Amino acid sequence: MKYLLAFFGSAVITAAAFAQAVAPDVLIKSVTTDVLEIVRKDKDIQSGNTKKAIDLVEAKVLPHFNFTRMTQLAMARDWRQASSAQQKALVDEFRTLLVRTYSKALTEYKNQTVDYKPFSMKAGETDVRVRTEIKQPGAGKNIGMDYYLEKNGSDWKVYDIEVADVSLITNYRSSFSTEVRNSGIDGLIKSLQAKNKSNEAAAEKK
């Protein structure tokens, strides 16, 4: 999961490059290269500066991920039980949780590299998978990573990632479902709020 978060957090693109229509595989390769280069050169992030990592994620990641879609998929059928206000709160808290988790993972980057697998897309497709593999330094085992993107207008946005055939969305879906069964939608919101406050307090202590 650590490597998922590290590279998911790196899946971003500069505004200038994204202004033009970019194929999804080109997007993933360009943005990963861009962000990892920033992390390699930033000694503050490498030394654990979570605030600086959060600033990087906020500036680069958020415009290019569909957090509403991600939250819907993680909630599954429970999403329909939530009111509009609850849905907004869920998206906001889930977004905050992911941003902080990804930011922390960026501070743990240890010179992994990425191999990009062959990609093909049929004309008119609006939902695609881009396959990559994380290569570990030394004798570490390589890890497969697949990005799932959907097209909204002219933009491609990530809505899920699989690492070693395990979906990020599926990983959260189980815990979300359990929380809703035990405490309802408001209980899940409170649980996410508590996790976010705990993560924020932990970051401030560093």
Protein backbone atom coordinates (compact mmCIF):
# COMPACT_ATOMS: atom_id res chain seq x y z
CA MET A 1 0.00 0.00 0.00
CA LYS A 2 2.90 2.37 0.71
CA TYR A 3 4.10 2.14 -2.90
CA LEU A 4 0.54 2.59 -4.19
CA LEU A 5 0.22 5.81 -2.26
CA ALA A 6 3.64 7.08 -3.21
CA PHE A 7 3.06 6.71 -6.92
CA PHE A 8 -0.65 7.52 -6.87
CA GLY A 9 0.32 10.76 -5.18
CA SER A 10 2.79 11.35 -8.02
CA ALA A 11 0.20 10.92 -10.80
CA VAL A 12 -0.18 14.62 -11.61
CA ILE A 13 0.52 17.04 -14.43
CA THR A 14 1.53 20.67 -14.78
CA ALA A 15 -1.19 23.07 -15.89
CA ALA A 16 0.70 24.02 -19.04
CA ALA A 17 1.07 20.44 -20.23
CA PHE A 18 -2.50 19.53 -19.34
CA ALA A 19 -3.94 22.47 -21.25
CA GLN A 20 -3.68 20.38 -24.42
CA ALA A 21 -5.48 17.08 -25.00
CA VAL A 22 -3.13 14.33 -23.82
CA ALA A 23 -3.54 10.59 -24.30
CA PRO A 24 -4.01 8.84 -20.92
CA ASP A 25 -0.78 6.82 -21.12
CA VAL A 26 1.21 9.91 -22.08
CA LEU A 27 -0.45 11.75 -19.20
CA ILE A 28 0.53 9.15 -16.62
CA LYS A 29 4.12 8.94 -17.86
CA SER A 30 4.59 12.70 -18.09
CA VAL A 31 3.17 13.53 -14.71
CA THR A 32 4.90 10.72 -12.86
CA THR A 33 8.25 11.78 -14.27
CA ASP A 34 7.55 15.40 -13.41
CA VAL A 35 6.56 14.86 -9.79
CA LEU A 36 9.23 12.28 -8.97
CA GLU A 37 11.81 14.71 -10.29
CA ILE A 38 10.49 17.36 -7.90
CA VAL A 39 10.64 14.95 -4.97
CA ARG A 40 14.17 13.81 -5.85
CA LYS A 41 15.40 17.39 -5.73
CA ASP A 42 13.45 18.53 -2.68
CA LYS A 43 15.39 17.70 0.47
CA ASP A 44 12.59 19.00 2.70
CA ILE A 45 10.08 16.49 1.34
CA GLN A 46 12.65 13.68 1.51
CA SER A 47 13.32 14.53 5.15
CA GLY A 48 9.64 14.28 6.07
CA ASN A 49 8.22 17.77 5.56
CA THR A 50 4.55 16.77 5.30
CA LYS A 51 3.35 20.36 4.91
CA LYS A 52 5.48 20.86 1.82
CA ALA A 53 4.35 17.51 0.42
CA ILE A 54 0.71 18.50 1.00
CA ASP A 55 1.29 21.76 -0.87
CA LEU A 56 2.67 19.76 -3.79
CA VAL A 57 -0.32 17.42 -3.82
CA GLU A 58 -2.81 20.26 -3.46
CA ALA A 59 -1.26 22.16 -6.35
CA LYS A 60 -0.70 19.24 -8.71
CA VAL A 61 -3.04 16.34 -7.92
CA LEU A 62 -6.47 17.61 -7.01
CA PRO A 63 -7.53 19.09 -10.37
CA HIS A 64 -6.80 15.79 -12.11
CA PHE A 65 -8.58 13.22 -9.93
CA ASN A 66 -12.30 12.67 -9.74
CA PHE A 67 -12.82 12.50 -5.98
CA THR A 68 -16.60 12.47 -6.28
CA ARG A 69 -16.45 9.40 -8.50
CA MET A 70 -13.92 7.77 -6.18
CA THR A 71 -16.15 8.38 -3.17
CA GLN A 72 -19.21 7.02 -4.99
CA LEU A 73 -17.36 3.83 -5.89
CA ALA A 74 -15.97 3.41 -2.38
CA MET A 75 -19.43 3.87 -0.88
CA ALA A 76 -21.11 1.54 -3.42
CA ARG A 77 -24.88 1.28 -2.81
CA ASP A 78 -24.58 3.18 0.48
CA TRP A 79 -23.96 6.35 -1.56
CA ARG A 80 -27.64 6.49 -2.49
CA GLN A 81 -28.61 6.53 1.18
CA ALA A 82 -26.71 9.75 1.81
CA SER A 83 -28.33 13.17 1.51
CA SER A 84 -26.73 15.84 -0.69
CA ALA A 85 -25.14 17.41 2.38
CA GLN A 86 -23.81 14.06 3.56
CA GLN A 87 -22.43 13.26 0.11
CA LYS A 88 -20.55 16.55 0.04
CA ALA A 89 -19.15 15.90 3.52
CA LEU A 90 -18.07 12.40 2.50
CA VAL A 91 -16.28 13.66 -0.61
CA ASP A 92 -14.55 16.44 1.36
CA GLU A 93 -13.37 14.13 4.15
CA PHE A 94 -12.31 11.33 1.80
CA ARG A 95 -10.39 13.85 -0.28
CA THR A 96 -8.62 15.18 2.80
CA LEU A 97 -7.78 11.66 3.96
CA LEU A 98 -6.28 10.72 0.60
CA VAL A 99 -4.33 13.96 0.24
CA ARG A 100 -2.71 13.57 3.64
CA THR A 101 -1.98 9.89 3.07
CA TYR A 102 -0.44 10.53 -0.35
CA SER A 103 1.57 13.45 1.00
CA LYS A 104 3.05 11.30 3.74
CA ALA A 105 3.91 8.62 1.19
CA LEU A 106 5.80 11.15 -0.94
CA THR A 107 8.11 11.81 2.01
CA GLU A 108 8.93 8.07 2.03
CA TYR A 109 10.02 7.88 -1.62
CA LYS A 110 13.22 5.80 -1.95
CA ASN A 111 14.34 5.95 -5.57
CA GLN A 112 11.79 3.56 -7.07
CA THR A 113 11.46 3.76 -10.85
CA VAL A 114 8.48 3.10 -13.14
CA ASP A 115 8.21 0.85 -16.19
CA TYR A 116 5.35 1.77 -18.55
CA LYS A 117 3.58 -1.13 -20.25
CA PRO A 118 2.29 -1.07 -23.87
CA PHE A 119 -0.98 0.81 -24.17
CA SER A 120 -3.70 0.80 -26.81
CA MET A 121 -7.03 2.59 -26.95
CA LYS A 122 -9.92 2.25 -29.37
CA ALA A 123 -11.40 5.32 -31.01
CA GLY A 124 -14.10 6.84 -28.84
CA GLU A 125 -13.16 5.02 -25.63
CA THR A 126 -13.83 7.03 -22.49
CA ASP A 127 -12.75 4.54 -19.81
CA VAL A 128 -9.26 3.04 -19.95
CA ARG A 129 -6.53 1.30 -17.96
CA VAL A 130 -2.88 2.34 -18.06
CA ARG A 131 -0.53 -0.39 -16.82
CA THR A 132 2.79 0.31 -15.11
CA GLU A 133 5.24 -1.53 -12.90
CA ILE A 134 7.19 -0.11 -9.98
CA LYS A 135 10.78 -1.32 -9.95
CA GLN A 136 12.33 -1.48 -6.49
CA PRO A 137 15.97 -0.54 -5.91
CA GLY A 138 18.20 -3.51 -5.11
CA ALA A 139 16.58 -6.92 -4.92
CA GLY A 140 13.09 -5.74 -4.01
CA LYS A 141 10.11 -7.33 -5.76
CA ASN A 142 8.58 -5.29 -8.57
CA ILE A 143 4.95 -4.23 -8.09
CA GLY A 144 2.31 -3.96 -10.83
CA MET A 145 0.25 -0.78 -10.81
CA ASP A 146 -2.73 -0.04 -13.04
CA TYR A 147 -4.35 3.40 -13.35
CA TYR A 148 -8.03 3.64 -14.30
CA LEU A 149 -9.04 6.87 -16.00
CA GLU A 150 -12.28 8.21 -17.42
CA LYS A 151 -12.76 11.03 -19.88
CA ASN A 152 -14.80 14.06 -18.84
CA GLY A 153 -15.09 16.39 -21.80
CA SER A 154 -11.53 16.68 -23.08
CA ASP A 155 -9.94 15.78 -19.73
CA TRP A 156 -8.80 12.38 -18.48
CA LYS A 157 -9.11 11.88 -14.72
CA VAL A 158 -8.01 9.03 -12.49
CA TYR A 159 -10.81 7.36 -10.51
CA ASP A 160 -9.11 4.18 -9.26
CA ILE A 161 -5.76 2.40 -9.06
CA GLU A 162 -4.90 -1.25 -8.65
CA VAL A 163 -1.65 -2.38 -7.05
CA ALA A 164 -0.83 -6.06 -7.39
CA ASP A 165 -4.46 -6.56 -8.51
CA VAL A 166 -5.84 -4.83 -5.38
CA SER A 167 -8.07 -1.82 -6.01
CA LEU A 168 -7.72 1.34 -3.94
CA ILE A 169 -11.48 1.77 -4.07
CA THR A 170 -12.17 -1.83 -3.05
CA ASN A 171 -9.70 -1.43 -0.19
CA TYR A 172 -11.80 1.38 1.31
CA ARG A 173 -15.19 -0.05 0.33
CA SER A 174 -15.09 -2.80 2.94
CA SER A 175 -14.29 -0.49 5.85
CA PHE A 176 -16.82 2.11 4.68
CA SER A 177 -19.57 -0.51 4.44
CA THR A 178 -18.81 -1.81 7.92
CA GLU A 179 -18.87 1.71 9.39
CA VAL A 180 -22.21 2.49 7.72
CA ARG A 181 -23.74 -0.75 9.01
CA ASN A 182 -22.55 -0.02 12.54
CA SER A 183 -23.03 3.75 12.78
CA GLY A 184 -24.83 4.99 9.67
CA ILE A 185 -23.70 7.62 7.18
CA ASP A 186 -23.10 10.21 9.90
CA GLY A 187 -20.99 7.69 11.76
CA LEU A 188 -18.77 7.21 8.71
CA ILE A 189 -18.41 10.96 8.32
CA LYS A 190 -17.40 11.31 11.96
CA SER A 191 -14.92 8.45 11.59
CA LEU A 192 -13.28 10.12 8.59
CA GLN A 193 -13.19 13.45 10.43
CA ALA A 194 -11.49 11.79 13.39
CA LYS A 195 -8.87 10.16 11.16
CA ASN A 196 -8.15 13.45 9.45
CA LYS A 197 -7.76 15.28 12.77
CA SER A 198 -5.45 12.53 14.02
CA ASN A 199 -3.33 12.74 10.86
CA GLU A 200 -3.16 16.52 11.14
CA ALA A 201 -2.07 16.34 14.79
CA ALA A 202 0.59 13.78 13.96
CA ALA A 203 1.95 15.96 11.14
CA GLU A 204 2.12 19.02 13.41
CA LYS A 205 4.28 17.14 15.90
CA LYS A 206 7.02 16.61 13.33
